[in-house]
N, C-alpha and C. Protein backbone atom coordinates (compact mmCIF):
# COMPACT_ATOMS: atom_id res chain seq x y z
N UNK A 1 0.84 -1.34 -0.15
CA UNK A 1 -0.03 0.02 0.07
C UNK A 1 0.67 1.21 0.41
N UNK A 2 0.58 2.40 -0.86
CA UNK A 2 1.19 3.68 -0.70
C UNK A 2 0.58 4.48 -0.13
N UNK A 3 1.60 5.79 0.30
CA UNK A 3 0.89 6.17 1.52
C UNK A 3 1.23 7.79 1.11
N UNK A 4 0.54 8.77 1.17
CA UNK A 4 1.11 10.11 0.78
C UNK A 4 2.26 10.83 1.58
N UNK A 5 2.42 10.26 2.57
CA UNK A 5 3.58 10.66 3.62
C UNK A 5 3.17 9.97 5.11
N UNK A 6 4.13 10.25 5.83
CA UNK A 6 4.53 9.54 6.98
C UNK A 6 3.53 9.63 8.29
N UNK A 7 2.62 10.82 8.09
CA UNK A 7 1.30 10.79 8.87
C UNK A 7 0.50 9.81 8.63
N UNK A 8 0.15 10.04 7.16
CA UNK A 8 -0.84 8.77 6.59
C UNK A 8 -0.23 7.17 6.80
N UNK A 9 1.14 7.07 6.87
CA UNK A 9 1.77 5.72 7.40
C UNK A 9 1.21 5.42 8.54
N UNK A 10 1.70 6.39 9.49
CA UNK A 10 1.77 6.26 10.78
C UNK A 10 0.27 6.04 11.31
N UNK A 11 -0.92 6.75 10.75
CA UNK A 11 -1.96 6.39 11.08
C UNK A 11 -2.65 5.20 10.88
N UNK A 12 -2.38 4.62 9.30
CA UNK A 12 -2.85 3.62 9.00
C UNK A 12 -1.85 2.36 10.05
N UNK A 13 -1.00 2.53 10.27
CA UNK A 13 -0.29 1.10 11.03
C UNK A 13 -1.16 1.22 12.48
N UNK A 14 -1.10 2.69 13.08
CA UNK A 14 -1.63 2.64 14.36
C UNK A 14 -3.07 2.18 14.54
N UNK A 15 -3.76 2.47 13.55
CA UNK A 15 -5.42 2.29 13.34
C UNK A 15 -5.24 0.47 13.20
N UNK A 16 -4.44 0.19 12.52
CA UNK A 16 -4.59 -1.49 12.44
C UNK A 16 -4.44 -2.20 13.61
N UNK A 17 -3.49 -1.42 14.42
CA UNK A 17 -2.92 -2.26 16.17
C UNK A 17 -4.42 -1.83 17.00
N UNK A 18 -5.23 -0.95 16.60
CA UNK A 18 -6.52 -0.73 17.54
C UNK A 18 -7.17 -1.55 17.01
N UNK A 19 -7.87 -1.75 15.81
CA UNK A 19 -8.65 -2.60 15.09
C UNK A 19 -8.63 -4.04 15.49
N UNK A 20 -7.22 -4.63 15.36
CA UNK A 20 -6.62 -5.91 15.54
C UNK A 20 -6.86 -6.36 17.03
N UNK A 21 -6.93 -5.22 17.81
CA UNK A 21 -6.88 -5.33 19.35
C UNK A 21 -5.24 -5.77 19.76
N UNK A 22 -4.40 -5.05 19.10
CA UNK A 22 -3.10 -5.37 19.30
C UNK A 22 -3.20 -4.37 20.58
N UNK A 23 -3.41 -3.23 20.41
CA UNK A 23 -3.39 -1.90 21.58
C UNK A 23 -5.14 -2.06 21.62
N UNK A 24 -5.31 -2.57 23.18
CA UNK A 24 -6.47 -2.93 23.63
C UNK A 24 -7.50 -1.49 23.93
N UNK A 25 -8.59 -1.56 23.93
CA UNK A 25 -9.65 -0.34 24.58
C UNK A 25 -9.00 -0.23 25.81
N UNK A 26 -8.66 1.27 26.27
CA UNK A 26 -8.30 1.63 27.48
C UNK A 26 -6.60 1.59 27.90
N UNK A 27 -6.36 0.90 26.67
CA UNK A 27 -4.53 0.87 27.03
C UNK A 27 -3.78 2.07 26.82
N UNK A 28 -3.11 2.47 27.49
CA UNK A 28 -2.10 3.85 26.89
C UNK A 28 -1.04 3.65 25.98
N UNK A 29 -0.92 4.53 24.94
CA UNK A 29 -0.85 4.58 23.75
C UNK A 29 0.67 5.71 24.17
N UNK A 30 2.01 5.43 24.03
CA UNK A 30 3.19 6.10 24.12
C UNK A 30 3.73 6.40 22.71
N UNK A 31 3.83 7.97 22.51
CA UNK A 31 4.00 8.14 21.12
C UNK A 31 5.59 7.69 20.93
N UNK A 32 6.32 7.65 21.76
CA UNK A 32 7.82 7.32 21.75
C UNK A 32 7.64 6.20 21.31
N UNK A 33 6.98 5.27 22.01
CA UNK A 33 7.04 3.91 21.67
C UNK A 33 6.66 3.71 19.99
N UNK A 34 5.73 4.17 19.80
CA UNK A 34 5.16 4.10 18.39
C UNK A 34 6.00 4.47 17.38
N UNK A 35 6.58 5.58 17.91
CA UNK A 35 7.72 6.44 16.87
C UNK A 35 9.05 5.43 16.37
N UNK A 36 9.49 4.87 17.58
CA UNK A 36 10.60 3.81 17.66
C UNK A 36 10.18 2.58 16.65
N UNK A 37 9.18 2.16 17.09
CA UNK A 37 8.73 0.95 16.57
C UNK A 37 8.40 1.00 14.89
N UNK A 38 8.08 2.20 14.42
CA UNK A 38 7.79 1.95 13.10
C UNK A 38 8.72 3.18 12.36
N UNK A 39 10.17 3.73 13.18
CA UNK A 39 10.92 4.23 12.72
C UNK A 39 10.96 5.83 12.02
N UNK A 40 9.88 6.34 13.11
CA UNK A 40 9.44 7.78 12.13
C UNK A 40 9.64 8.50 13.59
N UNK A 41 10.08 9.86 13.47
CA UNK A 41 10.04 11.13 14.43
C UNK A 41 8.52 11.12 15.28
N UNK A 42 8.42 11.84 16.21
CA UNK A 42 7.34 12.03 17.20
C UNK A 42 6.22 12.73 16.51
N UNK A 43 6.50 13.51 15.75
CA UNK A 43 5.74 14.59 14.89
C UNK A 43 4.51 13.85 14.45
N UNK A 44 4.87 12.95 12.92
CA UNK A 44 3.64 11.98 12.68
C UNK A 44 3.04 11.36 13.29
N UNK A 45 3.74 10.95 14.56
CA UNK A 45 2.81 10.01 15.38
C UNK A 45 1.94 10.60 15.91
N UNK A 46 2.31 11.97 16.70
CA UNK A 46 1.48 13.05 17.05
C UNK A 46 0.16 13.54 16.22
N UNK A 47 0.41 13.74 15.06
CA UNK A 47 -0.82 14.23 13.85
C UNK A 47 -1.30 12.52 13.57
N UNK A 48 -0.81 11.66 13.59
CA UNK A 48 -1.59 10.31 13.36
C UNK A 48 -3.02 10.34 14.70
N UNK A 49 -2.34 10.66 15.90
CA UNK A 49 -3.02 10.38 17.35
C UNK A 49 -4.01 11.22 16.94
N UNK A 50 -3.60 12.57 16.85
CA UNK A 50 -5.05 13.53 16.59
C UNK A 50 -6.19 13.16 15.95
N UNK A 51 -5.53 12.43 14.51
CA UNK A 51 -6.52 12.38 13.57
C UNK A 51 -7.41 10.98 14.15
N UNK A 52 -6.78 10.17 15.16
CA UNK A 52 -7.67 9.38 15.92
C UNK A 52 -8.62 9.54 16.62
N UNK A 53 -8.07 10.70 17.55
CA UNK A 53 -8.92 11.31 18.58
C UNK A 53 -9.98 11.74 17.75
N UNK A 54 -10.18 12.29 16.61
CA UNK A 54 -10.92 13.21 15.92
C UNK A 54 -12.02 11.72 15.59
N UNK A 55 -11.68 10.66 15.33
CA UNK A 55 -12.30 9.56 15.03
C UNK A 55 -12.96 8.83 16.10
N UNK A 56 -12.38 9.01 17.23
CA UNK A 56 -13.04 8.69 18.49
C UNK A 56 -12.59 7.25 18.55
N UNK A 57 -11.37 6.61 18.08
CA UNK A 57 -10.49 5.50 18.47
C UNK A 57 -9.33 5.45 19.83
N UNK A 58 -9.12 7.35 20.04
CA UNK A 58 -8.00 7.55 21.16
C UNK A 58 -8.49 8.59 21.62
N UNK A 59 -8.21 8.56 22.96
CA UNK A 59 -8.74 9.79 23.72
C UNK A 59 -7.69 10.30 24.39
N UNK A 60 -7.44 11.64 24.34
CA UNK A 60 -6.41 12.30 25.12
C UNK A 60 -6.85 12.95 26.38
N UNK A 61 -6.21 12.31 27.30
CA UNK A 61 -6.83 12.44 28.96
C UNK A 61 -5.74 13.66 29.35
N UNK A 62 -6.18 14.95 29.70
CA UNK A 62 -5.22 15.77 30.41
C UNK A 62 -4.63 15.26 31.42
N UNK A 63 -3.49 15.39 31.51
CA UNK A 63 -2.49 15.47 32.31
C UNK A 63 -2.00 13.66 32.93
N UNK A 64 -2.82 13.16 32.03
CA UNK A 64 -2.78 11.38 32.20
C UNK A 64 -2.16 10.70 30.75
N UNK A 65 -2.33 11.51 29.71
CA UNK A 65 -1.63 10.78 28.53
C UNK A 65 -2.44 10.43 27.77
N UNK A 66 -2.30 9.50 26.39
CA UNK A 66 -3.26 8.89 25.54
C UNK A 66 -3.45 7.67 25.82
N UNK A 67 -4.71 7.25 25.33
CA UNK A 67 -5.17 5.96 25.61
C UNK A 67 -6.25 5.64 24.27
N UNK A 68 -6.33 4.10 24.15
CA UNK A 68 -7.13 3.82 23.38
C UNK A 68 -8.47 3.86 23.87
N UNK A 69 -9.55 4.08 22.98
CA UNK A 69 -10.96 4.75 23.68
C UNK A 69 -11.54 3.68 23.94
N UNK A 70 -12.15 3.61 24.95
CA UNK A 70 -13.15 2.58 25.65
C UNK A 70 -14.87 3.42 25.03
N UNK A 71 -15.27 2.66 24.01
CA UNK A 71 -16.63 3.03 23.33
C UNK A 71 -17.77 2.84 24.07
N UNK A 72 -18.69 3.50 24.32
CA UNK A 72 -19.60 3.20 25.64
C UNK A 72 -20.87 1.93 24.73
N UNK A 73 -21.70 1.23 25.25
CA UNK A 73 -22.42 0.64 24.91
C UNK A 73 -23.58 1.27 24.44
N UNK A 74 -23.83 2.58 25.03
CA UNK A 74 -24.92 3.32 24.61
C UNK A 74 -24.69 3.80 23.00
N UNK A 75 -23.27 4.45 23.05
CA UNK A 75 -23.09 4.80 21.53
C UNK A 75 -23.08 3.81 20.62
N UNK A 76 -22.60 2.67 20.72
CA UNK A 76 -22.61 1.26 20.00
C UNK A 76 -23.88 0.87 19.92
N UNK A 77 -24.97 0.77 20.53
CA UNK A 77 -26.35 1.21 20.05
C UNK A 77 -26.68 1.95 19.07
N UNK A 78 -26.50 2.65 19.27
CA UNK A 78 -27.00 3.88 18.56
C UNK A 78 -26.56 3.64 17.06
N UNK A 79 -25.25 3.24 17.28
CA UNK A 79 -24.68 2.96 15.63
C UNK A 79 -25.37 1.74 14.90
N UNK A 80 -26.22 0.88 15.82
CA UNK A 80 -26.60 -0.31 15.29
C UNK A 80 -27.78 0.22 14.27
N UNK A 81 -28.54 0.94 14.77
CA UNK A 81 -29.56 1.56 13.74
C UNK A 81 -29.16 2.34 12.47
N UNK A 82 -27.63 2.69 12.26
CA UNK A 82 -27.10 3.67 11.42
C UNK A 82 -26.75 2.29 10.60
N UNK A 83 -26.12 1.02 10.86
CA UNK A 83 -25.76 0.02 10.27
C UNK A 83 -26.91 -0.62 9.64
N UNK A 84 -28.02 -0.91 10.43
CA UNK A 84 -29.20 -1.23 9.65
C UNK A 84 -29.72 -0.45 8.22
N UNK A 85 -29.48 0.87 8.41
CA UNK A 85 -29.66 1.68 7.14
C UNK A 85 -28.96 1.46 6.12
N UNK A 86 -27.59 1.81 6.74
CA UNK A 86 -26.45 1.55 5.72
C UNK A 86 -26.37 -0.05 4.90
N UNK A 87 -26.48 -1.15 5.71
CA UNK A 87 -26.32 -2.08 5.00
C UNK A 87 -27.29 -2.68 4.46
N UNK A 88 -28.71 -1.95 4.53
CA UNK A 88 -29.91 -2.66 3.75
C UNK A 88 -29.93 -2.11 2.55
N UNK A 89 -29.03 -0.97 2.42
CA UNK A 89 -29.44 -0.35 1.04
C UNK A 89 -28.03 -1.00 0.47
N UNK A 90 -26.62 -1.28 1.06
CA UNK A 90 -25.93 -1.86 0.38
C UNK A 90 -26.17 -3.33 -0.43
N UNK A 91 -26.88 -3.62 0.49
CA UNK A 91 -27.50 -5.25 -0.08
C UNK A 91 -28.34 -5.10 -1.40
N UNK A 92 -29.18 -4.12 -1.19
CA UNK A 92 -30.39 -3.93 -2.37
C UNK A 92 -29.25 -3.69 -3.72
N UNK A 93 -28.11 -2.78 -3.47
CA UNK A 93 -27.44 -2.64 -4.92
C UNK A 93 -26.43 -3.59 -5.17
N UNK A 94 -26.08 -4.44 -4.08
CA UNK A 94 -25.09 -5.68 -4.30
C UNK A 94 -26.05 -6.56 -5.05
N UNK A 95 -26.94 -6.70 -4.74
CA UNK A 95 -28.14 -7.86 -5.33
C UNK A 95 -28.50 -7.57 -6.39
N UNK A 96 -28.28 -6.28 -7.03
CA UNK A 96 -28.28 -5.59 -8.77
C UNK A 96 -27.35 -5.97 -9.30
N UNK A 97 -26.07 -6.14 -8.58
CA UNK A 97 -24.89 -5.91 -9.42
C UNK A 97 -23.65 -7.03 -9.53
N UNK A 98 -24.07 -7.91 -8.28
CA UNK A 98 -23.01 -9.04 -7.78
C UNK A 98 -22.96 -9.86 -9.28
N UNK A 99 -21.48 -10.20 -9.30
CA UNK A 99 -21.18 -11.34 -10.20
C UNK A 99 -21.02 -12.49 -9.75
N UNK A 100 -20.57 -13.56 -10.71
CA UNK A 100 -20.11 -14.95 -10.31
C UNK A 100 -18.82 -14.90 -9.90
N UNK A 101 -17.97 -14.18 -10.09
CA UNK A 101 -16.59 -13.87 -9.26
C UNK A 101 -16.79 -13.37 -8.25
N UNK A 102 -17.78 -12.19 -7.83
CA UNK A 102 -17.66 -11.92 -6.42
C UNK A 102 -18.54 -12.52 -5.58
N UNK A 103 -19.39 -13.34 -6.23
CA UNK A 103 -20.33 -14.53 -5.13
C UNK A 103 -18.62 -15.38 -4.74
N UNK A 104 -17.91 -15.90 -5.59
CA UNK A 104 -17.11 -16.94 -4.97
C UNK A 104 -16.26 -16.22 -3.99
N UNK A 105 -15.94 -14.85 -4.50
CA UNK A 105 -15.06 -14.19 -3.24
C UNK A 105 -15.95 -14.25 -1.99
N UNK A 106 -17.27 -13.75 -2.06
CA UNK A 106 -17.97 -13.53 -0.54
C UNK A 106 -18.06 -14.98 -0.02
N UNK A 107 -18.05 -15.83 -0.65
CA UNK A 107 -18.21 -17.53 -0.02
C UNK A 107 -16.98 -17.77 0.47
N UNK A 108 -15.52 -17.15 -0.13
CA UNK A 108 -14.23 -17.34 0.39
C UNK A 108 -14.27 -16.90 1.49
N UNK A 109 -14.53 -15.42 1.81
CA UNK A 109 -14.83 -14.72 2.71
C UNK A 109 -15.42 -15.32 4.09
N UNK A 110 -16.28 -15.95 3.86
CA UNK A 110 -17.51 -16.40 4.89
C UNK A 110 -16.78 -17.86 5.18
N UNK A 111 -16.15 -18.48 4.25
CA UNK A 111 -15.08 -19.87 4.66
C UNK A 111 -13.93 -19.21 5.86
N UNK A 112 -13.27 -18.43 5.56
CA UNK A 112 -12.25 -17.75 7.09
C UNK A 112 -13.16 -17.12 7.84
N UNK A 113 -14.21 -17.06 7.81
CA UNK A 113 -14.88 -16.76 9.16
C UNK A 113 -15.44 -17.86 9.93
N UNK A 114 -15.44 -18.63 9.21
CA UNK A 114 -16.16 -19.68 9.84
C UNK A 114 -14.85 -20.44 10.34
N UNK A 115 -13.93 -20.49 9.62
CA UNK A 115 -13.02 -21.05 9.90
C UNK A 115 -12.36 -20.49 11.39
N UNK A 116 -12.30 -19.28 11.62
CA UNK A 116 -11.87 -18.16 12.54
C UNK A 116 -12.74 -18.83 13.91
N UNK A 117 -14.02 -18.76 13.78
CA UNK A 117 -14.98 -18.98 14.80
C UNK A 117 -14.71 -20.05 15.52
N UNK A 118 -14.32 -21.12 14.62
CA UNK A 118 -14.70 -22.76 15.16
C UNK A 118 -13.27 -22.57 15.90
N UNK A 119 -12.10 -21.74 15.58
CA UNK A 119 -11.03 -21.94 16.12
C UNK A 119 -10.77 -21.19 17.28
N UNK A 120 -12.05 -20.81 17.76
CA UNK A 120 -11.96 -19.54 18.85
C UNK A 120 -11.21 -18.66 18.71
N UNK A 121 -10.85 -18.01 17.40
CA UNK A 121 -9.79 -16.92 17.35
C UNK A 121 -10.65 -15.90 17.06
N UNK A 122 -11.23 -15.14 18.25
CA UNK A 122 -12.12 -14.33 17.96
C UNK A 122 -11.76 -12.63 17.29
N UNK A 123 -10.62 -12.74 17.45
CA UNK A 123 -10.05 -11.19 17.13
C UNK A 123 -10.04 -11.41 15.42
N UNK A 124 -9.40 -12.70 14.93
CA UNK A 124 -9.31 -12.63 13.61
C UNK A 124 -10.72 -12.71 13.05
N UNK A 125 -11.53 -13.72 13.63
CA UNK A 125 -12.84 -13.80 13.21
C UNK A 125 -13.88 -12.35 12.98
N UNK A 126 -13.52 -11.56 14.02
CA UNK A 126 -14.10 -10.01 13.72
C UNK A 126 -13.81 -9.36 12.55
N UNK A 127 -12.45 -9.59 12.17
CA UNK A 127 -11.81 -9.05 10.89
C UNK A 127 -12.51 -9.40 9.86
N UNK A 128 -12.93 -10.63 9.93
CA UNK A 128 -13.48 -11.34 8.77
C UNK A 128 -14.86 -10.97 8.69
N UNK A 129 -15.68 -10.98 9.95
CA UNK A 129 -17.27 -10.70 10.08
C UNK A 129 -17.03 -9.10 9.18
N UNK A 130 -16.18 -8.43 9.61
CA UNK A 130 -16.62 -7.25 9.19
C UNK A 130 -16.20 -7.06 7.54
N UNK A 131 -15.21 -7.89 7.47
CA UNK A 131 -14.81 -8.21 5.61
C UNK A 131 -16.02 -8.72 4.87
N UNK A 132 -16.87 -9.12 5.46
CA UNK A 132 -18.07 -9.62 4.85
C UNK A 132 -19.04 -8.54 4.43
N UNK A 133 -19.21 -7.54 5.03
CA UNK A 133 -19.87 -6.26 5.59
C UNK A 133 -19.35 -5.36 4.52
N UNK A 134 -17.80 -5.30 4.56
CA UNK A 134 -17.23 -4.52 3.68
C UNK A 134 -17.69 -4.96 1.95
N UNK A 135 -16.96 -6.13 2.03
CA UNK A 135 -17.26 -6.46 0.51
C UNK A 135 -18.59 -6.35 -0.19
N UNK A 136 -19.72 -6.61 0.72
CA UNK A 136 -20.90 -6.33 0.12
C UNK A 136 -21.17 -4.96 -0.20
N UNK A 137 -20.40 -3.87 0.79
CA UNK A 137 -20.52 -2.04 0.03
C UNK A 137 -19.62 -1.96 -0.68
N UNK A 138 -18.48 -2.82 -1.16
CA UNK A 138 -17.74 -2.87 -2.34
C UNK A 138 -18.65 -3.01 -3.56
N UNK A 139 -19.25 -4.45 -3.41
CA UNK A 139 -19.94 -5.02 -4.70
C UNK A 139 -20.83 -3.77 -5.41
N UNK A 140 -21.60 -3.29 -4.00
CA UNK A 140 -22.70 -2.16 -4.53
C UNK A 140 -22.25 -1.07 -5.51
N UNK A 141 -20.85 -0.88 -5.22
CA UNK A 141 -20.45 0.18 -6.11
C UNK A 141 -21.00 1.25 -5.82
N UNK A 142 -21.14 1.83 -4.66
CA UNK A 142 -21.15 3.25 -4.49
C UNK A 142 -20.01 3.39 -3.35
N UNK A 143 -19.45 4.47 -3.86
CA UNK A 143 -18.13 4.86 -2.86
C UNK A 143 -18.35 5.73 -1.72
N UNK A 144 -19.22 6.65 -1.89
CA UNK A 144 -19.73 7.34 -0.52
C UNK A 144 -20.41 6.07 0.48
N UNK A 145 -21.07 5.05 -0.05
CA UNK A 145 -21.99 4.44 1.20
C UNK A 145 -20.98 3.51 1.47
N UNK A 146 -19.74 2.94 0.42
CA UNK A 146 -18.66 2.15 1.17
C UNK A 146 -17.79 2.67 1.88
N UNK A 147 -17.87 3.98 2.03
CA UNK A 147 -16.80 4.81 3.11
C UNK A 147 -17.97 4.83 4.65
N UNK A 148 -19.14 5.00 4.37
CA UNK A 148 -19.63 5.14 5.46
C UNK A 148 -19.61 3.62 6.25
N UNK A 149 -20.05 2.64 5.30
CA UNK A 149 -19.78 1.39 6.21
C UNK A 149 -18.85 0.83 6.70
N UNK A 150 -17.35 1.31 5.68
CA UNK A 150 -16.36 1.02 6.28
C UNK A 150 -15.90 1.66 7.47
N UNK A 151 -16.09 2.94 7.89
CA UNK A 151 -15.96 3.55 9.09
C UNK A 151 -16.78 2.78 10.40
N UNK A 152 -18.06 2.59 9.83
CA UNK A 152 -18.67 1.92 11.35
C UNK A 152 -18.43 0.66 11.36
N UNK A 153 -17.97 -0.01 10.43
CA UNK A 153 -17.37 -1.63 10.49
C UNK A 153 -15.77 -1.55 11.67
N UNK A 154 -15.11 -0.45 11.22
CA UNK A 154 -13.84 -0.26 12.00
C UNK A 154 -14.12 -0.26 13.61
N UNK A 155 -15.31 0.60 13.80
CA UNK A 155 -15.75 0.84 14.99
C UNK A 155 -16.01 -0.59 15.81
N UNK A 156 -17.02 -1.26 15.21
CA UNK A 156 -17.40 -2.53 15.47
C UNK A 156 -15.81 -3.64 15.40
N UNK A 157 -15.30 -3.66 14.80
CA UNK A 157 -14.27 -4.47 14.86
C UNK A 157 -13.39 -4.18 15.96
N UNK A 158 -13.08 -2.99 16.12
CA UNK A 158 -12.41 -2.34 17.25
C UNK A 158 -13.06 -2.99 18.64
N UNK A 159 -14.35 -2.66 18.83
CA UNK A 159 -15.38 -2.98 20.06
C UNK A 159 -15.57 -4.27 20.42
N UNK A 160 -16.08 -4.96 18.92
CA UNK A 160 -16.31 -6.66 19.44
C UNK A 160 -15.68 -7.38 20.03
N UNK A 161 -14.59 -7.47 20.17
CA UNK A 161 -13.50 -8.37 21.08
C UNK A 161 -13.98 -8.32 22.42
N UNK A 162 -14.16 -7.04 22.96
CA UNK A 162 -14.83 -6.72 24.47
C UNK A 162 -16.41 -6.56 24.71
N UNK A 163 -16.82 -6.90 23.82
CA UNK A 163 -18.19 -6.80 24.29
C UNK A 163 -19.34 -7.80 23.69
N UNK A 164 -18.52 -8.69 23.29
CA UNK A 164 -18.86 -10.05 23.21
C UNK A 164 -18.52 -11.06 23.90
N UNK A 165 -19.41 -12.07 24.97
CA UNK A 165 -19.10 -12.82 25.60
C UNK A 165 -19.18 -14.18 24.62
N UNK A 166 -18.44 -14.73 24.05
CA UNK A 166 -18.65 -15.94 23.13
C UNK A 166 -18.90 -16.87 23.65
N UNK A 167 -19.87 -17.53 23.18
CA UNK A 167 -20.37 -18.93 23.49
C UNK A 167 -20.19 -19.95 22.44
N UNK A 168 -20.39 -21.39 22.57
CA UNK A 168 -20.54 -22.23 21.29
C UNK A 168 -21.78 -21.91 20.78
N UNK A 169 -23.07 -21.48 21.40
CA UNK A 169 -24.37 -21.45 20.62
C UNK A 169 -23.98 -19.84 20.08
N UNK A 170 -23.08 -19.07 20.57
CA UNK A 170 -23.06 -17.70 19.58
C UNK A 170 -22.14 -18.08 18.38
N UNK A 171 -21.13 -18.85 18.70
CA UNK A 171 -20.36 -19.03 17.30
C UNK A 171 -21.28 -19.49 16.25
N UNK A 172 -22.50 -20.73 16.60
CA UNK A 172 -22.95 -21.61 15.53
C UNK A 172 -24.04 -20.22 15.20
N UNK A 173 -24.37 -19.02 15.99
CA UNK A 173 -25.21 -18.61 15.26
C UNK A 173 -24.65 -17.82 14.61
N UNK A 174 -23.64 -17.02 14.50
CA UNK A 174 -22.83 -16.04 13.77
C UNK A 174 -22.40 -16.76 12.53
N UNK A 175 -22.31 -18.21 12.64
CA UNK A 175 -22.05 -18.82 11.42
C UNK A 175 -23.27 -19.03 10.41
N UNK A 176 -24.31 -19.52 10.81
CA UNK A 176 -25.38 -19.55 10.39
C UNK A 176 -26.31 -18.44 9.65
N UNK A 177 -25.98 -17.21 10.62
CA UNK A 177 -26.86 -15.88 9.78
C UNK A 177 -26.02 -15.42 9.05
N UNK A 178 -24.31 -15.38 8.92
CA UNK A 178 -23.49 -15.16 7.63
C UNK A 178 -23.81 -16.11 6.62
N UNK A 179 -23.67 -17.18 6.74
CA UNK A 179 -23.95 -17.88 5.71
C UNK A 179 -24.84 -17.85 5.02
N UNK A 180 -26.76 -17.41 5.69
CA UNK A 180 -27.30 -17.25 4.66
C UNK A 180 -27.86 -15.82 4.44
N UNK A 181 -26.75 -15.08 4.57
CA UNK A 181 -26.78 -13.48 4.21
C UNK A 181 -26.30 -13.81 2.80
N UNK A 182 -24.83 -14.55 2.71
CA UNK A 182 -24.33 -14.87 1.34
C UNK A 182 -24.75 -15.63 0.51
N UNK A 183 -25.95 -16.59 0.99
CA UNK A 183 -26.69 -17.43 0.02
C UNK A 183 -27.62 -16.65 -0.57
N UNK A 184 -28.28 -15.88 0.38
CA UNK A 184 -29.41 -14.81 -0.21
C UNK A 184 -29.01 -13.91 -1.19
N UNK A 185 -27.96 -13.44 -1.30
CA UNK A 185 -27.41 -12.52 -1.85
C UNK A 185 -26.60 -13.32 -3.29
N UNK A 186 -26.05 -14.53 -2.90
CA UNK A 186 -25.98 -15.06 -4.17
C UNK A 186 -27.12 -15.75 -5.13
N UNK A 187 -27.86 -15.60 -4.38
CA UNK A 187 -29.42 -15.86 -5.09
C UNK A 187 -29.95 -14.36 -5.14
N UNK A 188 -29.78 -13.49 -5.01
CA UNK A 188 -30.27 -12.34 -5.30
C UNK A 188 -31.36 -11.93 -4.87
N UNK A 189 -31.58 -12.35 -3.55
CA UNK A 189 -32.84 -12.50 -3.04
C UNK A 189 -32.92 -11.57 -1.75
N UNK A 190 -32.96 -9.96 -2.37
CA UNK A 190 -32.35 -9.14 -1.84
C UNK A 190 -33.47 -8.84 -0.46
N UNK A 191 -34.74 -9.11 -0.52
CA UNK A 191 -35.18 -8.77 0.99
C UNK A 191 -35.28 -9.99 2.06
N UNK A 192 -34.49 -11.24 1.34
CA UNK A 192 -34.21 -12.25 2.68
C UNK A 192 -33.04 -11.90 3.23
N UNK A 193 -31.90 -11.32 2.23
CA UNK A 193 -30.61 -10.80 2.55
C UNK A 193 -30.81 -9.60 3.58
N UNK A 194 -31.55 -8.83 3.47
CA UNK A 194 -31.48 -7.54 4.11
C UNK A 194 -32.55 -8.21 5.36
N UNK A 195 -33.76 -8.89 5.54
CA UNK A 195 -34.05 -9.21 7.10
C UNK A 195 -33.17 -10.40 7.81
N UNK A 196 -32.33 -10.93 6.92
CA UNK A 196 -31.29 -11.53 7.72
C UNK A 196 -30.12 -10.75 8.12
N UNK A 197 -29.42 -9.80 7.51
CA UNK A 197 -28.45 -8.72 8.10
C UNK A 197 -29.17 -7.76 9.35
N UNK A 198 -30.43 -7.46 9.08
CA UNK A 198 -30.85 -7.35 10.24
C UNK A 198 -30.65 -8.07 11.52
N UNK A 199 -31.46 -9.12 11.28
CA UNK A 199 -31.41 -10.25 12.46
C UNK A 199 -29.83 -10.13 13.16
N UNK A 200 -28.99 -10.18 12.13
CA UNK A 200 -27.47 -10.30 12.61
C UNK A 200 -26.79 -8.96 13.38
N UNK A 201 -27.40 -7.89 12.94
CA UNK A 201 -27.33 -6.81 13.67
C UNK A 201 -27.73 -7.02 14.91
N UNK A 202 -29.25 -6.74 14.87
CA UNK A 202 -30.04 -7.10 16.38
C UNK A 202 -29.57 -7.80 17.49
N UNK A 203 -28.71 -8.71 16.56
CA UNK A 203 -27.74 -9.76 18.10
C UNK A 203 -27.02 -9.33 18.60
N UNK A 204 -26.25 -8.42 17.80
CA UNK A 204 -25.29 -7.60 18.85
C UNK A 204 -25.95 -6.71 19.69
N UNK A 205 -27.35 -6.16 19.65
CA UNK A 205 -28.01 -5.27 20.72
C UNK A 205 -27.73 -5.93 21.78
N UNK A 206 -28.38 -7.50 21.65
CA UNK A 206 -28.82 -8.69 22.53
C UNK A 206 -27.42 -8.65 23.37
N UNK A 207 -26.11 -8.97 22.56
CA UNK A 207 -24.85 -9.30 23.29
C UNK A 207 -24.55 -7.95 23.92
N UNK A 208 -24.51 -6.56 23.56
CA UNK A 208 -24.23 -5.62 24.21
C UNK A 208 -25.33 -5.19 25.68
N UNK A 209 -26.55 -5.79 25.75
CA UNK A 209 -26.86 -6.02 27.10
C UNK A 209 -26.57 -6.93 27.90
N UNK A 210 -25.65 -8.08 27.33
CA UNK A 210 -25.06 -8.81 28.45
C UNK A 210 -23.88 -8.11 29.31
N UNK A 211 -23.09 -7.13 28.59
CA UNK A 211 -22.04 -6.90 29.15
C UNK A 211 -22.11 -5.93 30.48
N UNK A 212 -21.59 -6.12 31.75
CA UNK A 212 -21.80 -5.37 32.67
C UNK A 212 -21.19 -4.08 32.41
């Protein structure tokens, strides 16, 4: 991947660490450590952190330091309504446009999600979960819609690890629901696909209510 400058490079690498939970919510972020690790000065690190603060992934706490943000259940619950609206539109467009090659790619992503869930590698599973929704938006071929969905998927990929208490039942439920979404889109059955994706997103609301 090409970057326009050091700030963009540091931003990409730091956000990747946050979304993959290499840096966990609530963990302190040290500018000097990031600068040394990425072999850059502290200036682009500070600029990248400021951008991540603006996006809500990082908190600058006066007299305490910089920390990976802990996003509240209330804020996440509000985002679920937005997700339903955005992803319903993405599915409608994807069902109109999807090609056989794209169906195969979507099915391959689904296989990776199932593999990670069965291995109980929930950090990687979260990334593949998000990738399914991102790819549907990509197939929809609407840049602004895809950008909005990518932004909100970043948030859920970041928070899913500490907001879901995984059980075998939840693993099977996630696999079944995502598989049905993929099958419905492959069959260009947009109403069924939208219904299932609503159910999938609403299940996150249930899981949030279980978190203390």
